[in-house]
Amino acid sequence: MDSRLANPAPLGLMGFGMTTVLLNFHNAGFSPLDSMILAMGMFYGGLAQIIAGIMEFKKGNTFGLTAFCSYGLFWMSLVVLLIAPKVGIWSSAPTDGAMAAYLFVWGLFTFGMFIATKKGPFALRFVFGTLFILFWLLAAGDATGAAWLKKVAGWEGIICGSSAIYLAMAQIINEHYGKVVVPIG
């Protein structure tokens, strides 16, 4: 393996984190679900994470490959689920029950990934811990129709996305200075 390969994790974490924060601004009630959020989901949340995952493959990191490619494809599939019915590709949007199942299985996947972070730094465990909680809050909101759950999920999602941004910036800053400047635990 070439030791000169750059660390792709900050790219994937920023794509995930920034997109998660923006979508959860919507869930928390601060902004509409508009083309800005959907474009971020498709390209930075989606494509950038897939690129980071492929780069993790080249570095031999199965966890990074699986996480970044999976969540990149999550963002792309979510955008398609939201816009396809509006542009006539599918005749109907997913039901609340279907969305609850979709979000629940992503939460289940994320719980497994969280278990895999137990030996990693605290900041990584925090990202995955808050992410599986986010998915299950969103699934519960869709399953019950409780708007307040979506709002709570929005706030929790802002924390989750912000923690990914923190971890990405910590990795960049620490690598740049060649020492721990920003702690990740």
C-alpha atoms as a PDB file:
ATOM      1  CA  MET A   1       0.000   0.000   0.000  1.00  0.00           C
ATOM      2  CA  ASP A   2       1.250   3.468  -0.902  1.00  0.00           C
ATOM      3  CA  SER A   3       1.792   5.449   2.324  1.00  0.00           C
ATOM      4  CA  ARG A   4       1.521   8.693   0.354  1.00  0.00           C
ATOM      5  CA  LEU A   5      -2.224   8.235  -0.114  1.00  0.00           C
ATOM      6  CA  ALA A   6      -4.249  11.018   1.448  1.00  0.00           C
ATOM      7  CA  ASN A   7      -6.729  10.291   4.211  1.00  0.00           C
ATOM      8  CA  PRO A   8     -10.162  10.229   2.491  1.00  0.00           C
ATOM      9  CA  ALA A   9     -12.117  10.193   5.766  1.00  0.00           C
ATOM     10  CA  PRO A  10     -12.373  13.996   6.152  1.00  0.00           C
ATOM     11  CA  LEU A  11     -13.975  14.262   2.694  1.00  0.00           C
ATOM     12  CA  GLY A  12     -16.530  11.599   3.559  1.00  0.00           C
ATOM     13  CA  LEU A  13     -17.177  13.001   7.024  1.00  0.00           C
ATOM     14  CA  MET A  14     -17.653  16.549   5.679  1.00  0.00           C
ATOM     15  CA  GLY A  15     -20.008  15.303   2.953  1.00  0.00           C
ATOM     16  CA  PHE A  16     -22.005  13.413   5.533  1.00  0.00           C
ATOM     17  CA  GLY A  17     -21.830  16.075   8.252  1.00  0.00           C
ATOM     18  CA  MET A  18     -22.712  19.167   6.237  1.00  0.00           C
ATOM     19  CA  THR A  19     -25.563  17.435   4.427  1.00  0.00           C
ATOM     20  CA  THR A  20     -26.906  15.992   7.679  1.00  0.00           C
ATOM     21  CA  VAL A  21     -26.872  19.416   9.341  1.00  0.00           C
ATOM     22  CA  LEU A  22     -28.707  21.017   6.424  1.00  0.00           C
ATOM     23  CA  LEU A  23     -31.399  18.320   6.209  1.00  0.00           C
ATOM     24  CA  ASN A  24     -31.918  18.504   9.940  1.00  0.00           C
ATOM     25  CA  PHE A  25     -32.295  22.277   9.838  1.00  0.00           C
ATOM     26  CA  HIS A  26     -35.401  21.320   7.840  1.00  0.00           C
ATOM     27  CA  ASN A  27     -36.462  18.582  10.277  1.00  0.00           C
ATOM     28  CA  ALA A  28     -36.058  20.972  13.216  1.00  0.00           C
ATOM     29  CA  GLY A  29     -38.299  23.482  11.440  1.00  0.00           C
ATOM     30  CA  PHE A  30     -35.744  26.136  10.454  1.00  0.00           C
ATOM     31  CA  SER A  31     -35.872  25.780   6.659  1.00  0.00           C
ATOM     32  CA  PRO A  32     -37.912  24.189   3.872  1.00  0.00           C
ATOM     33  CA  LEU A  33     -36.835  21.010   2.124  1.00  0.00           C
ATOM     34  CA  ASP A  34     -35.666  22.675  -1.069  1.00  0.00           C
ATOM     35  CA  SER A  35     -33.301  22.166  -3.998  1.00  0.00           C
ATOM     36  CA  MET A  36     -30.276  23.299  -1.946  1.00  0.00           C
ATOM     37  CA  ILE A  37     -30.691  20.421   0.516  1.00  0.00           C
ATOM     38  CA  LEU A  38     -31.481  17.929  -2.245  1.00  0.00           C
ATOM     39  CA  ALA A  39     -28.454  18.989  -4.326  1.00  0.00           C
ATOM     40  CA  MET A  40     -26.206  18.685  -1.258  1.00  0.00           C
ATOM     41  CA  GLY A  41     -27.686  15.244  -0.626  1.00  0.00           C
ATOM     42  CA  MET A  42     -27.043  14.058  -4.159  1.00  0.00           C
ATOM     43  CA  PHE A  43     -23.553  15.422  -4.645  1.00  0.00           C
ATOM     44  CA  TYR A  44     -21.769  16.129  -1.359  1.00  0.00           C
ATOM     45  CA  GLY A  45     -23.672  13.695   0.837  1.00  0.00           C
ATOM     46  CA  GLY A  46     -23.877  11.150  -1.982  1.00  0.00           C
ATOM     47  CA  LEU A  47     -21.143  11.361  -4.592  1.00  0.00           C
ATOM     48  CA  ALA A  48     -18.389  12.734  -2.333  1.00  0.00           C
ATOM     49  CA  GLN A  49     -18.929   9.958   0.207  1.00  0.00           C
ATOM     50  CA  ILE A  50     -18.820   7.296  -2.507  1.00  0.00           C
ATOM     51  CA  ILE A  51     -15.519   8.744  -3.745  1.00  0.00           C
ATOM     52  CA  ALA A  52     -14.198   8.711  -0.168  1.00  0.00           C
ATOM     53  CA  GLY A  53     -15.349   5.108   0.234  1.00  0.00           C
ATOM     54  CA  ILE A  54     -13.553   4.029  -2.941  1.00  0.00           C
ATOM     55  CA  MET A  55     -10.429   5.753  -1.666  1.00  0.00           C
ATOM     56  CA  GLU A  56     -10.809   3.880   1.650  1.00  0.00           C
ATOM     57  CA  PHE A  57     -10.922   0.646  -0.392  1.00  0.00           C
ATOM     58  CA  LYS A  58      -7.574   1.536  -1.929  1.00  0.00           C
ATOM     59  CA  LYS A  59      -6.193   2.057   1.589  1.00  0.00           C
ATOM     60  CA  GLY A  60      -7.529  -1.347   2.707  1.00  0.00           C
ATOM     61  CA  ASN A  61     -10.073   0.104   5.162  1.00  0.00           C
ATOM     62  CA  THR A  62     -13.178  -2.087   5.044  1.00  0.00           C
ATOM     63  CA  PHE A  63     -14.999   0.018   7.650  1.00  0.00           C
ATOM     64  CA  GLY A  64     -14.391   3.267   5.730  1.00  0.00           C
ATOM     65  CA  LEU A  65     -15.348   1.653   2.418  1.00  0.00           C
ATOM     66  CA  THR A  66     -18.575   0.255   3.834  1.00  0.00           C
ATOM     67  CA  ALA A  67     -19.543   3.372   5.782  1.00  0.00           C
ATOM     68  CA  PHE A  68     -18.847   6.007   3.142  1.00  0.00           C
ATOM     69  CA  CYS A  69     -20.194   4.076   0.146  1.00  0.00           C
ATOM     70  CA  SER A  70     -23.299   2.987   2.067  1.00  0.00           C
ATOM     71  CA  TYR A  71     -24.153   6.443   3.404  1.00  0.00           C
ATOM     72  CA  GLY A  72     -23.361   8.011   0.040  1.00  0.00           C
ATOM     73  CA  LEU A  73     -25.879   5.661  -1.537  1.00  0.00           C
ATOM     74  CA  PHE A  74     -28.301   6.408   1.311  1.00  0.00           C
ATOM     75  CA  TRP A  75     -28.217  10.103   0.417  1.00  0.00           C
ATOM     76  CA  MET A  76     -28.675   9.398  -3.290  1.00  0.00           C
ATOM     77  CA  SER A  77     -31.570   7.018  -2.661  1.00  0.00           C
ATOM     78  CA  LEU A  78     -33.215   9.489  -0.263  1.00  0.00           C
ATOM     79  CA  VAL A  79     -33.054  12.270  -2.848  1.00  0.00           C
ATOM     80  CA  VAL A  80     -34.563   9.975  -5.485  1.00  0.00           C
ATOM     81  CA  LEU A  81     -37.324   8.900  -3.071  1.00  0.00           C
ATOM     82  CA  LEU A  82     -38.183  12.550  -2.454  1.00  0.00           C
ATOM     83  CA  ILE A  83     -38.029  13.909  -6.011  1.00  0.00           C
ATOM     84  CA  ALA A  84     -38.974  10.992  -8.287  1.00  0.00           C
ATOM     85  CA  PRO A  85     -42.730  11.162  -7.553  1.00  0.00           C
ATOM     86  CA  LYS A  86     -42.694  14.953  -8.056  1.00  0.00           C
ATOM     87  CA  VAL A  87     -41.197  14.662 -11.542  1.00  0.00           C
ATOM     88  CA  GLY A  88     -43.388  11.767 -12.663  1.00  0.00           C
ATOM     89  CA  ILE A  89     -40.870   8.923 -12.439  1.00  0.00           C
ATOM     90  CA  TRP A  90     -43.050   7.088  -9.902  1.00  0.00           C
ATOM     91  CA  SER A  91     -46.727   7.690  -9.457  1.00  0.00           C
ATOM     92  CA  SER A  92     -46.644   8.021  -5.682  1.00  0.00           C
ATOM     93  CA  ALA A  93     -44.317   8.988  -2.888  1.00  0.00           C
ATOM     94  CA  PRO A  94     -43.389   6.378  -0.286  1.00  0.00           C
ATOM     95  CA  THR A  95     -45.963   5.969   2.481  1.00  0.00           C
ATOM     96  CA  ASP A  96     -45.105   6.949   6.045  1.00  0.00           C
ATOM     97  CA  GLY A  97     -44.890   3.243   6.854  1.00  0.00           C
ATOM     98  CA  ALA A  98     -42.471   2.624   3.990  1.00  0.00           C
ATOM     99  CA  MET A  99     -40.303   5.558   5.077  1.00  0.00           C
ATOM    100  CA  ALA A 100     -40.379   4.292   8.673  1.00  0.00           C
ATOM    101  CA  ALA A 101     -39.119   0.888   7.469  1.00  0.00           C
ATOM    102  CA  TYR A 102     -36.462   2.519   5.263  1.00  0.00           C
ATOM    103  CA  LEU A 103     -35.169   4.667   8.131  1.00  0.00           C
ATOM    104  CA  PHE A 104     -35.378   1.789  10.628  1.00  0.00           C
ATOM    105  CA  VAL A 105     -33.189  -0.524   8.506  1.00  0.00           C
ATOM    106  CA  TRP A 106     -30.671   2.288   8.058  1.00  0.00           C
ATOM    107  CA  GLY A 107     -30.711   2.649  11.846  1.00  0.00           C
ATOM    108  CA  LEU A 108     -30.136  -1.080  12.203  1.00  0.00           C
ATOM    109  CA  PHE A 109     -27.181  -0.929   9.788  1.00  0.00           C
ATOM    110  CA  THR A 110     -25.830   2.080  11.671  1.00  0.00           C
ATOM    111  CA  PHE A 111     -26.159   0.298  15.010  1.00  0.00           C
ATOM    112  CA  GLY A 112     -23.927  -2.460  13.613  1.00  0.00           C
ATOM    113  CA  MET A 113     -21.438   0.129  12.394  1.00  0.00           C
ATOM    114  CA  PHE A 114     -21.568   1.777  15.837  1.00  0.00           C
ATOM    115  CA  ILE A 115     -20.598  -1.553  17.424  1.00  0.00           C
ATOM    116  CA  ALA A 116     -17.599  -1.607  15.051  1.00  0.00           C
ATOM    117  CA  THR A 117     -16.476   1.818  16.345  1.00  0.00           C
ATOM    118  CA  LYS A 118     -16.118   0.650  19.956  1.00  0.00           C
ATOM    119  CA  LYS A 119     -12.321   0.430  19.639  1.00  0.00           C
ATOM    120  CA  GLY A 120     -12.082   3.732  17.773  1.00  0.00           C
ATOM    121  CA  PRO A 121     -11.775   7.282  19.061  1.00  0.00           C
ATOM    122  CA  PHE A 122     -14.597   8.810  21.082  1.00  0.00           C
ATOM    123  CA  ALA A 123     -15.452  11.301  18.314  1.00  0.00           C
ATOM    124  CA  LEU A 124     -16.118   8.472  15.832  1.00  0.00           C
ATOM    125  CA  ARG A 125     -18.233   6.576  18.371  1.00  0.00           C
ATOM    126  CA  PHE A 126     -20.194   9.764  19.003  1.00  0.00           C
ATOM    127  CA  VAL A 127     -20.921  10.258  15.273  1.00  0.00           C
ATOM    128  CA  PHE A 128     -22.225   6.711  14.855  1.00  0.00           C
ATOM    129  CA  GLY A 129     -24.037   6.652  18.198  1.00  0.00           C
ATOM    130  CA  THR A 130     -25.947   9.828  17.438  1.00  0.00           C
ATOM    131  CA  LEU A 131     -26.584   8.653  13.865  1.00  0.00           C
ATOM    132  CA  PHE A 132     -28.330   5.424  14.826  1.00  0.00           C
ATOM    133  CA  ILE A 133     -30.435   7.385  17.329  1.00  0.00           C
ATOM    134  CA  LEU A 134     -31.269   9.869  14.553  1.00  0.00           C
ATOM    135  CA  PHE A 135     -32.438   7.144  12.167  1.00  0.00           C
ATOM    136  CA  TRP A 136     -34.648   5.554  14.818  1.00  0.00           C
ATOM    137  CA  LEU A 137     -36.130   8.903  15.877  1.00  0.00           C
ATOM    138  CA  LEU A 138     -36.951   9.657  12.235  1.00  0.00           C
ATOM    139  CA  ALA A 139     -38.418   6.155  11.773  1.00  0.00           C
ATOM    140  CA  ALA A 140     -40.540   6.593  14.914  1.00  0.00           C
ATOM    141  CA  GLY A 141     -41.713   9.983  13.662  1.00  0.00           C
ATOM    142  CA  ASP A 142     -42.851   8.480  10.355  1.00  0.00           C
ATOM    143  CA  ALA A 143     -44.382   5.408  12.016  1.00  0.00           C
ATOM    144  CA  THR A 144     -46.419   7.448  14.503  1.00  0.00           C
ATOM    145  CA  GLY A 145     -47.017  10.643  12.553  1.00  0.00           C
ATOM    146  CA  ALA A 146     -45.757  12.601  15.581  1.00  0.00           C
ATOM    147  CA  ALA A 147     -44.404  15.901  14.266  1.00  0.00           C
ATOM    148  CA  TRP A 148     -42.658  16.587  17.570  1.00  0.00           C
ATOM    149  CA  LEU A 149     -40.514  13.459  17.072  1.00  0.00           C
ATOM    150  CA  LYS A 150     -39.328  14.798  13.717  1.00  0.00           C
ATOM    151  CA  LYS A 151     -38.457  18.087  15.390  1.00  0.00           C
ATOM    152  CA  VAL A 152     -36.511  16.299  18.152  1.00  0.00           C
ATOM    153  CA  ALA A 153     -34.788  14.245  15.446  1.00  0.00           C
ATOM    154  CA  GLY A 154     -33.905  17.492  13.679  1.00  0.00           C
ATOM    155  CA  TRP A 155     -32.108  18.827  16.732  1.00  0.00           C
ATOM    156  CA  GLU A 156     -30.408  15.488  17.322  1.00  0.00           C
ATOM    157  CA  GLY A 157     -29.408  15.375  13.638  1.00  0.00           C
ATOM    158  CA  ILE A 158     -27.813  18.814  13.865  1.00  0.00           C
ATOM    159  CA  ILE A 159     -25.702  17.488  16.757  1.00  0.00           C
ATOM    160  CA  CYS A 160     -24.835  14.333  14.789  1.00  0.00           C
ATOM    161  CA  GLY A 161     -23.849  16.217  11.628  1.00  0.00           C
ATOM    162  CA  SER A 162     -21.882  18.775  13.610  1.00  0.00           C
ATOM    163  CA  SER A 163     -19.940  15.995  15.314  1.00  0.00           C
ATOM    164  CA  ALA A 164     -18.951  14.595  11.899  1.00  0.00           C
ATOM    165  CA  ILE A 165     -17.793  18.056  10.801  1.00  0.00           C
ATOM    166  CA  TYR A 166     -15.772  18.336  14.039  1.00  0.00           C
ATOM    167  CA  LEU A 167     -14.125  14.945  13.439  1.00  0.00           C
ATOM    168  CA  ALA A 168     -13.310  15.812   9.811  1.00  0.00           C
ATOM    169  CA  MET A 169     -11.745  19.142  10.748  1.00  0.00           C
ATOM    170  CA  ALA A 170      -9.844  17.547  13.654  1.00  0.00           C
ATOM    171  CA  GLN A 171      -8.344  14.981  11.281  1.00  0.00           C
ATOM    172  CA  ILE A 172      -7.336  17.677   8.784  1.00  0.00           C
ATOM    173  CA  ILE A 173      -5.880  20.026  11.418  1.00  0.00           C
ATOM    174  CA  ASN A 174      -4.055  17.274  13.310  1.00  0.00           C
ATOM    175  CA  GLU A 175      -2.546  15.866  10.123  1.00  0.00           C
ATOM    176  CA  HIS A 176      -1.520  19.324   8.934  1.00  0.00           C
ATOM    177  CA  TYR A 177       0.302  20.109  12.181  1.00  0.00           C
ATOM    178  CA  GLY A 178       1.635  16.582  12.664  1.00  0.00           C
ATOM    179  CA  LYS A 179       0.314  16.436  16.217  1.00  0.00           C
ATOM    180  CA  VAL A 180      -2.934  16.436  18.159  1.00  0.00           C
ATOM    181  CA  VAL A 181      -4.235  19.975  18.130  1.00  0.00           C
ATOM    182  CA  VAL A 182      -7.944  19.104  18.134  1.00  0.00           C
ATOM    183  CA  PRO A 183      -8.732  16.107  20.372  1.00  0.00           C
ATOM    184  CA  ILE A 184     -10.763  13.184  19.022  1.00  0.00           C
ATOM    185  CA  GLY A 185     -10.407  10.919  22.075  1.00  0.00           C
END
